[in-house]
Every structure is written in C-alpha cells, then in structure tokens.
Amino acid sequence: MRPGRLDRIVYVPLPDAQTRRDIFNIQFRNTPVSPDVSLDLLVGRTEKYSGAEISAVVREAALLALQQDITVQQVTADHLHAALQVVRPRVPDSLLQTYRRYQQQSPAPF
C-alpha cells in the first residue's frame, strides 16, 4: 500500500447480538413485518452474519413475500425463515480466527 492511503488494516468484527438486533430494527423501518416475527429468534439465527448479510435476509424475505402475493402487506416469520435458507453467512471460521490473530499481534494505533 502506498503512504497517504489507508495504510492500516482495521479489523471490524461481525456484529454482536445487540448490533444484529439494531440492524434488524433499522431494516424493519422500511419493511413492515407481521407480529408473528420473533426478533429474538432472528438475532439468534444470524450469529455469524455480517450487517450486509442481515440486510440481504430482510430484502430476500420481502421479495419472497411479493412472489407469493403481490398485494402482501407484511413480511411474515415464514418469509424470513425461508430467506435465512437462501442468504447464508459467508465468512468462514478460519478467516475469523486469522483476523483475530492479526488483531492480537498488531500494535495499538495510539
């Protein structure tokens, strides 16, 4: 990398449970969900998902709902569970461990 650019590698971990809950809540602002949707269950089932993958789950669920019924008013738990089968986490455990080792070996920036 050339000086003056981003010359540090910064490890940003995958979102924890509270952050995943926040991401779902942000996504649900624009996607109406049925009262049968359990946010706790979704948070638990998305443990190794990135923020982008969680957003993709909600978008996929909305598309599945529209494919099922073009006049649908809400995304249901069934739509979200089906979307979780389509959108899978992409960061393998081996890569996460590599990032964690790198973070532990790197000096603090300040």
PDB file of N, CA and C in Angstrom:
ATOM      1  N   MET A   1       0.838  -1.181   0.000  1.00  0.00           N
ATOM      2  CA  MET A   1       0.000   0.000   0.000  1.00  0.00           C
ATOM      3  C   MET A   1       0.881   1.241   0.000  1.00  0.00           C
ATOM      4  N   ARG A   2       0.420   2.253  -0.681  1.00  0.00           N
ATOM      5  CA  ARG A   2       1.185   3.494  -0.752  1.00  0.00           C
ATOM      6  C   ARG A   2       0.888   4.380   0.448  1.00  0.00           C
ATOM      7  N   PRO A   3       1.891   5.129   0.908  1.00  0.00           N
ATOM      8  CA  PRO A   3       1.651   6.066   2.004  1.00  0.00           C
ATOM      9  C   PRO A   3       0.594   7.100   1.604  1.00  0.00           C
ATOM     10  N   GLY A   4      -0.147   7.566   2.568  1.00  0.00           N
ATOM     11  CA  GLY A   4      -1.187   8.544   2.284  1.00  0.00           C
ATOM     12  C   GLY A   4      -2.531   7.902   2.008  1.00  0.00           C
ATOM     13  N   ARG A   5      -2.509   6.632   1.776  1.00  0.00           N
ATOM     14  CA  ARG A   5      -3.755   5.876   1.595  1.00  0.00           C
ATOM     15  C   ARG A   5      -4.095   5.238   2.927  1.00  0.00           C
ATOM     16  N   LEU A   6      -5.093   4.398   2.918  1.00  0.00           N
ATOM     17  CA  LEU A   6      -5.369   3.635   4.130  1.00  0.00           C
ATOM     18  C   LEU A   6      -4.222   2.655   4.305  1.00  0.00           C
ATOM     19  N   ASP A   7      -3.272   3.004   5.150  1.00  0.00           N
ATOM     20  CA  ASP A   7      -2.104   2.149   5.302  1.00  0.00           C
ATOM     21  C   ASP A   7      -2.170   1.303   6.574  1.00  0.00           C
ATOM     22  N   ARG A   8      -3.333   1.180   7.112  1.00  0.00           N
ATOM     23  CA  ARG A   8      -3.548   0.302   8.260  1.00  0.00           C
ATOM     24  C   ARG A   8      -4.677  -0.652   7.930  1.00  0.00           C
ATOM     25  N   ILE A   9      -4.539  -1.847   8.386  1.00  0.00           N
ATOM     26  CA  ILE A   9      -5.621  -2.816   8.251  1.00  0.00           C
ATOM     27  C   ILE A   9      -6.392  -2.776   9.559  1.00  0.00           C
ATOM     28  N   VAL A  10      -7.671  -2.530   9.460  1.00  0.00           N
ATOM     29  CA  VAL A  10      -8.508  -2.424  10.644  1.00  0.00           C
ATOM     30  C   VAL A  10      -9.478  -3.592  10.656  1.00  0.00           C
ATOM     31  N   TYR A  11      -9.463  -4.330  11.748  1.00  0.00           N
ATOM     32  CA  TYR A  11     -10.375  -5.460  11.896  1.00  0.00           C
ATOM     33  C   TYR A  11     -11.675  -4.959  12.501  1.00  0.00           C
ATOM     34  N   VAL A  12     -12.756  -5.176  11.795  1.00  0.00           N
ATOM     35  CA  VAL A  12     -14.083  -4.851  12.303  1.00  0.00           C
ATOM     36  C   VAL A  12     -14.795  -6.186  12.503  1.00  0.00           C
ATOM     37  N   PRO A  13     -15.082  -6.545  13.746  1.00  0.00           N
ATOM     38  CA  PRO A  13     -15.691  -7.855  13.987  1.00  0.00           C
ATOM     39  C   PRO A  13     -17.125  -7.917  13.478  1.00  0.00           C
ATOM     40  N   LEU A  14     -17.618  -9.129  13.358  1.00  0.00           N
ATOM     41  CA  LEU A  14     -19.016  -9.321  12.993  1.00  0.00           C
ATOM     42  C   LEU A  14     -19.891  -8.753  14.109  1.00  0.00           C
ATOM     43  N   PRO A  15     -21.097  -8.333  13.777  1.00  0.00           N
ATOM     44  CA  PRO A  15     -21.946  -7.702  14.801  1.00  0.00           C
ATOM     45  C   PRO A  15     -22.344  -8.670  15.914  1.00  0.00           C
ATOM     46  N   ASP A  16     -22.345  -8.138  17.133  1.00  0.00           N
ATOM     47  CA  ASP A  16     -22.806  -8.933  18.273  1.00  0.00           C
ATOM     48  C   ASP A  16     -24.333  -8.948  18.283  1.00  0.00           C
ATOM     49  N   ALA A  17     -24.919  -9.609  19.271  1.00  0.00           N
ATOM     50  CA  ALA A  17     -26.374  -9.789  19.309  1.00  0.00           C
ATOM     51  C   ALA A  17     -27.119  -8.455  19.328  1.00  0.00           C
ATOM     52  N   GLN A  18     -26.668  -7.512  20.150  1.00  0.00           N
ATOM     53  CA  GLN A  18     -27.357  -6.222  20.225  1.00  0.00           C
ATOM     54  C   GLN A  18     -27.247  -5.469  18.902  1.00  0.00           C
ATOM     55  N   THR A  19     -26.108  -5.535  18.264  1.00  0.00           N
ATOM     56  CA  THR A  19     -25.928  -4.857  16.979  1.00  0.00           C
ATOM     57  C   THR A  19     -26.792  -5.502  15.903  1.00  0.00           C
ATOM     58  N   ARG A  20     -26.884  -6.830  15.912  1.00  0.00           N
ATOM     59  CA  ARG A  20     -27.755  -7.512  14.949  1.00  0.00           C
ATOM     60  C   ARG A  20     -29.208  -7.106  15.174  1.00  0.00           C
ATOM     61  N   ARG A  21     -29.607  -6.990  16.430  1.00  0.00           N
ATOM     62  CA  ARG A  21     -30.968  -6.542  16.760  1.00  0.00           C
ATOM     63  C   ARG A  21     -31.199  -5.131  16.196  1.00  0.00           C
ATOM     64  N   ASP A  22     -30.219  -4.262  16.375  1.00  0.00           N
ATOM     65  CA  ASP A  22     -30.329  -2.895  15.858  1.00  0.00           C
ATOM     66  C   ASP A  22     -30.431  -2.876  14.330  1.00  0.00           C
ATOM     67  N   ILE A  23     -29.651  -3.732  13.688  1.00  0.00           N
ATOM     68  CA  ILE A  23     -29.689  -3.798  12.217  1.00  0.00           C
ATOM     69  C   ILE A  23     -31.068  -4.259  11.751  1.00  0.00           C
ATOM     70  N   PHE A  24     -31.601  -5.290  12.392  1.00  0.00           N
ATOM     71  CA  PHE A  24     -32.950  -5.742  12.033  1.00  0.00           C
ATOM     72  C   PHE A  24     -33.965  -4.620  12.242  1.00  0.00           C
ATOM     73  N   ASN A  25     -33.880  -3.929  13.371  1.00  0.00           N
ATOM     74  CA  ASN A  25     -34.826  -2.840  13.628  1.00  0.00           C
ATOM     75  C   ASN A  25     -34.738  -1.742  12.573  1.00  0.00           C
ATOM     76  N   ILE A  26     -33.539  -1.426  12.145  1.00  0.00           N
ATOM     77  CA  ILE A  26     -33.366  -0.420  11.083  1.00  0.00           C
ATOM     78  C   ILE A  26     -33.986  -0.923   9.791  1.00  0.00           C
ATOM     79  N   GLN A  27     -33.753  -2.175   9.448  1.00  0.00           N
ATOM     80  CA  GLN A  27     -34.307  -2.750   8.221  1.00  0.00           C
ATOM     81  C   GLN A  27     -35.826  -2.821   8.276  1.00  0.00           C
ATOM     82  N   PHE A  28     -36.366  -3.084   9.449  1.00  0.00           N
ATOM     83  CA  PHE A  28     -37.819  -3.214   9.593  1.00  0.00           C
ATOM     84  C   PHE A  28     -38.541  -1.866   9.521  1.00  0.00           C
ATOM     85  N   ARG A  29     -37.808  -0.772   9.581  1.00  0.00           N
ATOM     86  CA  ARG A  29     -38.443   0.542   9.419  1.00  0.00           C
ATOM     87  C   ARG A  29     -39.052   0.686   8.026  1.00  0.00           C
ATOM     88  N   ASN A  30     -38.384   0.091   7.040  1.00  0.00           N
ATOM     89  CA  ASN A  30     -38.838   0.204   5.652  1.00  0.00           C
ATOM     90  C   ASN A  30     -39.541  -1.054   5.157  1.00  0.00           C
ATOM     91  N   THR A  31     -39.561  -2.088   5.965  1.00  0.00           N
ATOM     92  CA  THR A  31     -40.186  -3.353   5.587  1.00  0.00           C
ATOM     93  C   THR A  31     -41.146  -3.756   6.698  1.00  0.00           C
ATOM     94  N   PRO A  32     -42.441  -3.575   6.495  1.00  0.00           N
ATOM     95  CA  PRO A  32     -43.392  -3.944   7.545  1.00  0.00           C
ATOM     96  C   PRO A  32     -43.369  -5.446   7.810  1.00  0.00           C
ATOM     97  N   VAL A  33     -43.306  -5.806   9.080  1.00  0.00           N
ATOM     98  CA  VAL A  33     -43.269  -7.219   9.449  1.00  0.00           C
ATOM     99  C   VAL A  33     -44.483  -7.583  10.293  1.00  0.00           C
ATOM    100  N   SER A  34     -44.871  -8.812  10.166  1.00  0.00           N
ATOM    101  CA  SER A  34     -46.011  -9.365  10.881  1.00  0.00           C
ATOM    102  C   SER A  34     -45.695  -9.479  12.378  1.00  0.00           C
ATOM    103  N   PRO A  35     -46.717  -9.416  13.213  1.00  0.00           N
ATOM    104  CA  PRO A  35     -46.490  -9.606  14.655  1.00  0.00           C
ATOM    105  C   PRO A  35     -45.952 -10.994  15.014  1.00  0.00           C
ATOM    106  N   ASP A  36     -46.037 -11.958  14.078  1.00  0.00           N
ATOM    107  CA  ASP A  36     -45.521 -13.302  14.380  1.00  0.00           C
ATOM    108  C   ASP A  36     -44.002 -13.397  14.262  1.00  0.00           C
ATOM    109  N   VAL A  37     -43.350 -12.318  13.857  1.00  0.00           N
ATOM    110  CA  VAL A  37     -41.893 -12.315  13.704  1.00  0.00           C
ATOM    111  C   VAL A  37     -41.247 -12.160  15.084  1.00  0.00           C
ATOM    112  N   SER A  38     -40.385 -13.098  15.430  1.00  0.00           N
ATOM    113  CA  SER A  38     -39.651 -13.052  16.698  1.00  0.00           C
ATOM    114  C   SER A  38     -38.258 -12.484  16.446  1.00  0.00           C
ATOM    115  N   LEU A  39     -38.053 -11.269  16.913  1.00  0.00           N
ATOM    116  CA  LEU A  39     -36.757 -10.625  16.742  1.00  0.00           C
ATOM    117  C   LEU A  39     -35.672 -11.407  17.482  1.00  0.00           C
ATOM    118  N   ASP A  40     -36.006 -11.936  18.658  1.00  0.00           N
ATOM    119  CA  ASP A  40     -35.036 -12.725  19.419  1.00  0.00           C
ATOM    120  C   ASP A  40     -34.583 -13.954  18.634  1.00  0.00           C
ATOM    121  N   LEU A  41     -35.524 -14.623  17.983  1.00  0.00           N
ATOM    122  CA  LEU A  41     -35.188 -15.800  17.191  1.00  0.00           C
ATOM    123  C   LEU A  41     -34.295 -15.420  16.004  1.00  0.00           C
ATOM    124  N   LEU A  42     -34.616 -14.318  15.334  1.00  0.00           N
ATOM    125  CA  LEU A  42     -33.800 -13.867  14.207  1.00  0.00           C
ATOM    126  C   LEU A  42     -32.380 -13.513  14.647  1.00  0.00           C
ATOM    127  N   VAL A  43     -32.273 -12.827  15.760  1.00  0.00           N
ATOM    128  CA  VAL A  43     -30.954 -12.458  16.274  1.00  0.00           C
ATOM    129  C   VAL A  43     -30.146 -13.714  16.572  1.00  0.00           C
ATOM    130  N   GLY A  44     -30.780 -14.704  17.166  1.00  0.00           N
ATOM    131  CA  GLY A  44     -30.092 -15.955  17.477  1.00  0.00           C
ATOM    132  C   GLY A  44     -29.673 -16.744  16.245  1.00  0.00           C
ATOM    133  N   ARG A  45     -30.467 -16.668  15.201  1.00  0.00           N
ATOM    134  CA  ARG A  45     -30.173 -17.456  13.984  1.00  0.00           C
ATOM    135  C   ARG A  45     -29.179 -16.769  13.058  1.00  0.00           C
ATOM    136  N   THR A  46     -28.787 -15.538  13.362  1.00  0.00           N
ATOM    137  CA  THR A  46     -27.876 -14.789  12.484  1.00  0.00           C
ATOM    138  C   THR A  46     -26.538 -14.508  13.159  1.00  0.00           C
ATOM    139  N   GLU A  47     -26.097 -15.425  13.997  1.00  0.00           N
ATOM    140  CA  GLU A  47     -24.890 -15.192  14.796  1.00  0.00           C
ATOM    141  C   GLU A  47     -23.644 -14.873  13.970  1.00  0.00           C
ATOM    142  N   LYS A  48     -23.410 -15.533  12.876  1.00  0.00           N
ATOM    143  CA  LYS A  48     -22.186 -15.294  12.091  1.00  0.00           C
ATOM    144  C   LYS A  48     -22.453 -14.455  10.842  1.00  0.00           C
ATOM    145  N   TYR A  49     -23.551 -13.734  10.832  1.00  0.00           N
ATOM    146  CA  TYR A  49     -23.912 -12.900   9.683  1.00  0.00           C
ATOM    147  C   TYR A  49     -23.309 -11.503   9.824  1.00  0.00           C
ATOM    148  N   SER A  50     -22.891 -10.944   8.710  1.00  0.00           N
ATOM    149  CA  SER A  50     -22.446  -9.549   8.688  1.00  0.00           C
ATOM    150  C   SER A  50     -23.677  -8.652   8.607  1.00  0.00           C
ATOM    151  N   GLY A  51     -23.473  -7.370   8.785  1.00  0.00           N
ATOM    152  CA  GLY A  51     -24.578  -6.427   8.653  1.00  0.00           C
ATOM    153  C   GLY A  51     -25.188  -6.460   7.262  1.00  0.00           C
ATOM    154  N   ALA A  52     -24.356  -6.584   6.253  1.00  0.00           N
ATOM    155  CA  ALA A  52     -24.856  -6.648   4.871  1.00  0.00           C
ATOM    156  C   ALA A  52     -25.672  -7.910   4.648  1.00  0.00           C
ATOM    157  N   GLU A  53     -25.253  -9.009   5.249  1.00  0.00           N
ATOM    158  CA  GLU A  53     -25.996 -10.263   5.096  1.00  0.00           C
ATOM    159  C   GLU A  53     -27.346 -10.196   5.802  1.00  0.00           C
ATOM    160  N   ILE A  54     -27.400  -9.537   6.943  1.00  0.00           N
ATOM    161  CA  ILE A  54     -28.671  -9.365   7.644  1.00  0.00           C
ATOM    162  C   ILE A  54     -29.617  -8.513   6.803  1.00  0.00           C
ATOM    163  N   SER A  55     -29.098  -7.456   6.209  1.00  0.00           N
ATOM    164  CA  SER A  55     -29.915  -6.629   5.318  1.00  0.00           C
ATOM    165  C   SER A  55     -30.415  -7.446   4.132  1.00  0.00           C
ATOM    166  N   ALA A  56     -29.551  -8.312   3.610  1.00  0.00           N
ATOM    167  CA  ALA A  56     -29.942  -9.162   2.486  1.00  0.00           C
ATOM    168  C   ALA A  56     -31.043 -10.145   2.888  1.00  0.00           C
ATOM    169  N   VAL A  57     -31.020 -10.623   4.115  1.00  0.00           N
ATOM    170  CA  VAL A  57     -32.071 -11.531   4.598  1.00  0.00           C
ATOM    171  C   VAL A  57     -33.419 -10.826   4.546  1.00  0.00           C
ATOM    172  N   VAL A  58     -33.464  -9.592   5.027  1.00  0.00           N
ATOM    173  CA  VAL A  58     -34.728  -8.852   5.044  1.00  0.00           C
ATOM    174  C   VAL A  58     -35.204  -8.561   3.624  1.00  0.00           C
ATOM    175  N   ARG A  59     -34.292  -8.162   2.744  1.00  0.00           N
ATOM    176  CA  ARG A  59     -34.671  -7.905   1.338  1.00  0.00           C
ATOM    177  C   ARG A  59     -35.167  -9.182   0.671  1.00  0.00           C
ATOM    178  N   GLU A  60     -34.477 -10.287   0.903  1.00  0.00           N
ATOM    179  CA  GLU A  60     -34.881 -11.569   0.312  1.00  0.00           C
ATOM    180  C   GLU A  60     -36.252 -11.983   0.824  1.00  0.00           C
ATOM    181  N   ALA A  61     -36.504 -11.788   2.116  1.00  0.00           N
ATOM    182  CA  ALA A  61     -37.809 -12.122   2.687  1.00  0.00           C
ATOM    183  C   ALA A  61     -38.906 -11.289   2.035  1.00  0.00           C
ATOM    184  N   ALA A  62     -38.638 -10.010   1.815  1.00  0.00           N
ATOM    185  CA  ALA A  62     -39.623  -9.141   1.165  1.00  0.00           C
ATOM    186  C   ALA A  62     -39.894  -9.608  -0.265  1.00  0.00           C
ATOM    187  N   LEU A  63     -38.851  -9.997  -0.975  1.00  0.00           N
ATOM    188  CA  LEU A  63     -39.035 -10.499  -2.345  1.00  0.00           C
ATOM    189  C   LEU A  63     -39.829 -11.807  -2.350  1.00  0.00           C
ATOM    190  N   LEU A  64     -39.528 -12.688  -1.416  1.00  0.00           N
ATOM    191  CA  LEU A  64     -40.277 -13.942  -1.325  1.00  0.00           C
ATOM    192  C   LEU A  64     -41.753 -13.669  -1.036  1.00  0.00           C
ATOM    193  N   ALA A  65     -42.008 -12.712  -0.154  1.00  0.00           N
ATOM    194  CA  ALA A  65     -43.396 -12.361   0.165  1.00  0.00           C
ATOM    195  C   ALA A  65     -44.115 -11.831  -1.070  1.00  0.00           C
ATOM    196  N   LEU A  66     -43.453 -10.976  -1.838  1.00  0.00           N
ATOM    197  CA  LEU A  66     -44.063 -10.415  -3.050  1.00  0.00           C
ATOM    198  C   LEU A  66     -44.272 -11.478  -4.125  1.00  0.00           C
ATOM    199  N   GLN A  67     -43.350 -12.424  -4.222  1.00  0.00           N
ATOM    200  CA  GLN A  67     -43.524 -13.502  -5.191  1.00  0.00           C
ATOM    201  C   GLN A  67     -44.722 -14.368  -4.829  1.00  0.00           C
ATOM    202  N   GLN A  68     -44.947 -14.518  -3.545  1.00  0.00           N
ATOM    203  CA  GLN A  68     -46.068 -15.324  -3.079  1.00  0.00           C
ATOM    204  C   GLN A  68     -47.399 -14.603  -3.299  1.00  0.00           C
ATOM    205  N   ASP A  69     -47.407 -13.295  -3.035  1.00  0.00           N
ATOM    206  CA  ASP A  69     -48.631 -12.500  -3.161  1.00  0.00           C
ATOM    207  C   ASP A  69     -48.238 -11.054  -3.397  1.00  0.00           C
ATOM    208  N   ILE A  70     -48.499 -10.564  -4.580  1.00  0.00           N
ATOM    209  CA  ILE A  70     -48.075  -9.219  -4.963  1.00  0.00           C
ATOM    210  C   ILE A  70     -48.754  -8.136  -4.116  1.00  0.00           C
ATOM    211  N   THR A  71     -49.856  -8.468  -3.466  1.00  0.00           N
ATOM    212  CA  THR A  71     -50.560  -7.482  -2.643  1.00  0.00           C
ATOM    213  C   THR A  71     -50.220  -7.617  -1.153  1.00  0.00           C
ATOM    214  N   VAL A  72     -49.215  -8.384  -0.820  1.00  0.00           N
ATOM    215  CA  VAL A  72     -48.856  -8.635   0.572  1.00  0.00           C
ATOM    216  C   VAL A  72     -48.565  -7.320   1.296  1.00  0.00           C
ATOM    217  N   GLN A  73     -48.979  -7.249   2.548  1.00  0.00           N
ATOM    218  CA  GLN A  73     -48.790  -6.038   3.342  1.00  0.00           C
ATOM    219  C   GLN A  73     -47.649  -6.160   4.350  1.00  0.00           C
ATOM    220  N   GLN A  74     -47.297  -7.407   4.717  1.00  0.00           N
ATOM    221  CA  GLN A  74     -46.267  -7.616   5.727  1.00  0.00           C
ATOM    222  C   GLN A  74     -45.428  -8.848   5.404  1.00  0.00           C
ATOM    223  N   VAL A  75     -44.187  -8.807   5.852  1.00  0.00           N
ATOM    224  CA  VAL A  75     -43.301  -9.961   5.767  1.00  0.00           C
ATOM    225  C   VAL A  75     -43.558 -10.801   7.019  1.00  0.00           C
ATOM    226  N   THR A  76     -43.743 -12.103   6.831  1.00  0.00           N
ATOM    227  CA  THR A  76     -44.031 -12.988   7.961  1.00  0.00           C
ATOM    228  C   THR A  76     -42.765 -13.716   8.421  1.00  0.00           C
ATOM    229  N   ALA A  77     -42.906 -14.392   9.542  1.00  0.00           N
ATOM    230  CA  ALA A  77     -41.806 -15.200  10.060  1.00  0.00           C
ATOM    231  C   ALA A  77     -41.417 -16.279   9.044  1.00  0.00           C
ATOM    232  N   ASP A  78     -42.396 -16.857   8.360  1.00  0.00           N
ATOM    233  CA  ASP A  78     -42.095 -17.880   7.348  1.00  0.00           C
ATOM    234  C   ASP A  78     -41.232 -17.320   6.226  1.00  0.00           C
ATOM    235  N   HIS A  79     -41.517 -16.095   5.799  1.00  0.00           N
ATOM    236  CA  HIS A  79     -40.707 -15.464   4.748  1.00  0.00           C
ATOM    237  C   HIS A  79     -39.268 -15.264   5.224  1.00  0.00           C
ATOM    238  N   LEU A  80     -39.122 -14.800   6.466  1.00  0.00           N
ATOM    239  CA  LEU A  80     -37.778 -14.565   6.998  1.00  0.00           C
ATOM    240  C   LEU A  80     -37.018 -15.875   7.182  1.00  0.00           C
ATOM    241  N   HIS A  81     -37.686 -16.907   7.626  1.00  0.00           N
ATOM    242  CA  HIS A  81     -37.019 -18.200   7.799  1.00  0.00           C
ATOM    243  C   HIS A  81     -36.607 -18.781   6.447  1.00  0.00           C
ATOM    244  N   ALA A  82     -37.437 -18.603   5.435  1.00  0.00           N
ATOM    245  CA  ALA A  82     -37.068 -19.052   4.089  1.00  0.00           C
ATOM    246  C   ALA A  82     -35.879 -18.246   3.565  1.00  0.00           C
ATOM    247  N   ALA A  83     -35.860 -16.951   3.856  1.00  0.00           N
ATOM    248  CA  ALA A  83     -34.749 -16.102   3.419  1.00  0.00           C
ATOM    249  C   ALA A  83     -33.441 -16.527   4.082  1.00  0.00           C
ATOM    250  N   LEU A  84     -33.515 -16.983   5.326  1.00  0.00           N
ATOM    251  CA  LEU A  84     -32.311 -17.450   6.017  1.00  0.00           C
ATOM    252  C   LEU A  84     -31.733 -18.702   5.362  1.00  0.00           C
ATOM    253  N   GLN A  85     -32.566 -19.445   4.651  1.00  0.00           N
ATOM    254  CA  GLN A  85     -32.073 -20.613   3.926  1.00  0.00           C
ATOM    255  C   GLN A  85     -31.350 -20.212   2.643  1.00  0.00           C
ATOM    256  N   VAL A  86     -31.715 -19.047   2.124  1.00  0.00           N
ATOM    257  CA  VAL A  86     -31.112 -18.556   0.878  1.00  0.00           C
ATOM    258  C   VAL A  86     -29.846 -17.754   1.167  1.00  0.00           C
ATOM    259  N   VAL A  87     -29.921 -16.839   2.113  1.00  0.00           N
ATOM    260  CA  VAL A  87     -28.794 -15.970   2.462  1.00  0.00           C
ATOM    261  C   VAL A  87     -28.054 -16.611   3.623  1.00  0.00           C
ATOM    262  N   ARG A  88     -26.858 -17.068   3.346  1.00  0.00           N
ATOM    263  CA  ARG A  88     -26.049 -17.757   4.358  1.00  0.00           C
ATOM    264  C   ARG A  88     -24.849 -16.888   4.718  1.00  0.00           C
ATOM    265  N   PRO A  89     -24.308 -17.041   5.917  1.00  0.00           N
ATOM    266  CA  PRO A  89     -23.103 -16.279   6.273  1.00  0.00           C
ATOM    267  C   PRO A  89     -21.929 -16.728   5.408  1.00  0.00           C
ATOM    268  N   ARG A  90     -21.099 -15.774   5.017  1.00  0.00           N
ATOM    269  CA  ARG A  90     -20.025 -16.092   4.069  1.00  0.00           C
ATOM    270  C   ARG A  90     -18.626 -16.068   4.656  1.00  0.00           C
ATOM    271  N   VAL A  91     -18.479 -15.620   5.887  1.00  0.00           N
ATOM    272  CA  VAL A  91     -17.148 -15.534   6.476  1.00  0.00           C
ATOM    273  C   VAL A  91     -16.860 -16.837   7.214  1.00  0.00           C
ATOM    274  N   PRO A  92     -15.904 -17.620   6.710  1.00  0.00           N
ATOM    275  CA  PRO A  92     -15.609 -18.900   7.370  1.00  0.00           C
ATOM    276  C   PRO A  92     -14.893 -18.680   8.708  1.00  0.00           C
ATOM    277  N   ASP A  93     -15.053 -19.639   9.608  1.00  0.00           N
ATOM    278  CA  ASP A  93     -14.417 -19.551  10.928  1.00  0.00           C
ATOM    279  C   ASP A  93     -12.908 -19.399  10.810  1.00  0.00           C
ATOM    280  N   SER A  94     -12.302 -20.054   9.840  1.00  0.00           N
ATOM    281  CA  SER A  94     -10.846 -19.977   9.683  1.00  0.00           C
ATOM    282  C   SER A  94     -10.406 -18.540   9.391  1.00  0.00           C
ATOM    283  N   LEU A  95     -11.173 -17.811   8.608  1.00  0.00           N
ATOM    284  CA  LEU A  95     -10.823 -16.421   8.310  1.00  0.00           C
ATOM    285  C   LEU A  95     -11.022 -15.537   9.540  1.00  0.00           C
ATOM    286  N   LEU A  96     -12.075 -15.789  10.298  1.00  0.00           N
ATOM    287  CA  LEU A  96     -12.289 -15.026  11.531  1.00  0.00           C
ATOM    288  C   LEU A  96     -11.129 -15.220  12.501  1.00  0.00           C
ATOM    289  N   GLN A  97     -10.645 -16.440  12.613  1.00  0.00           N
ATOM    290  CA  GLN A  97      -9.517 -16.709  13.502  1.00  0.00           C
ATOM    291  C   GLN A  97      -8.255 -16.020  13.010  1.00  0.00           C
ATOM    292  N   THR A  98      -8.058 -15.993  11.705  1.00  0.00           N
ATOM    293  CA  THR A  98      -6.902 -15.288  11.138  1.00  0.00           C
ATOM    294  C   THR A  98      -6.974 -13.813  11.479  1.00  0.00           C
ATOM    295  N   TYR A  99      -8.143 -13.202  11.324  1.00  0.00           N
ATOM    296  CA  TYR A  99      -8.318 -11.787  11.651  1.00  0.00           C
ATOM    297  C   TYR A  99      -8.053 -11.530  13.134  1.00  0.00           C
ATOM    298  N   ARG A 100      -8.559 -12.393  13.982  1.00  0.00           N
ATOM    299  CA  ARG A 100      -8.362 -12.208  15.430  1.00  0.00           C
ATOM    300  C   ARG A 100      -6.885 -12.316  15.803  1.00  0.00           C
ATOM    301  N   ARG A 101      -6.190 -13.282  15.213  1.00  0.00           N
ATOM    302  CA  ARG A 101      -4.744 -13.420  15.479  1.00  0.00           C
ATOM    303  C   ARG A 101      -4.007 -12.174  15.015  1.00  0.00           C
ATOM    304  N   TYR A 102      -4.341 -11.677  13.849  1.00  0.00           N
ATOM    305  CA  TYR A 102      -3.697 -10.468  13.321  1.00  0.00           C
ATOM    306  C   TYR A 102      -3.946  -9.294  14.252  1.00  0.00           C
ATOM    307  N   GLN A 103      -5.172  -9.157  14.729  1.00  0.00           N
ATOM    308  CA  GLN A 103      -5.528  -8.049  15.626  1.00  0.00           C
ATOM    309  C   GLN A 103      -4.719  -8.147  16.920  1.00  0.00           C
ATOM    310  N   GLN A 104      -4.538  -9.329  17.442  1.00  0.00           N
ATOM    311  CA  GLN A 104      -3.793  -9.502  18.697  1.00  0.00           C
ATOM    312  C   GLN A 104      -2.300  -9.201  18.518  1.00  0.00           C
ATOM    313  N   GLN A 105      -1.783  -9.460  17.320  1.00  0.00           N
ATOM    314  CA  GLN A 105      -0.359  -9.262  17.071  1.00  0.00           C
ATOM    315  C   GLN A 105      -0.032  -7.826  16.669  1.00  0.00           C
ATOM    316  N   SER A 106      -1.017  -7.093  16.223  1.00  0.00           N
ATOM    317  CA  SER A 106      -0.800  -5.721  15.742  1.00  0.00           C
ATOM    318  C   SER A 106      -0.703  -4.759  16.923  1.00  0.00           C
ATOM    319  N   PRO A 107       0.212  -3.789  16.821  1.00  0.00           N
ATOM    320  CA  PRO A 107       0.305  -2.795  17.898  1.00  0.00           C
ATOM    321  C   PRO A 107      -0.901  -1.871  17.875  1.00  0.00           C
ATOM    322  N   ALA A 108      -1.241  -1.327  19.020  1.00  0.00           N
ATOM    323  CA  ALA A 108      -2.350  -0.373  19.111  1.00  0.00           C
ATOM    324  C   ALA A 108      -1.996   0.873  18.308  1.00  0.00           C
ATOM    325  N   PRO A 109      -2.963   1.492  17.607  1.00  0.00           N
ATOM    326  CA  PRO A 109      -2.657   2.650  16.749  1.00  0.00           C
ATOM    327  C   PRO A 109      -2.242   3.883  17.527  1.00  0.00           C
ATOM    328  N   PHE A 110      -2.553   3.978  18.798  1.00  0.00           N
ATOM    329  CA  PHE A 110      -2.200   5.179  19.564  1.00  0.00           C
ATOM    330  C   PHE A 110      -1.436   4.830  20.805  1.00  0.00           C
TER     331      PHE A 110
END
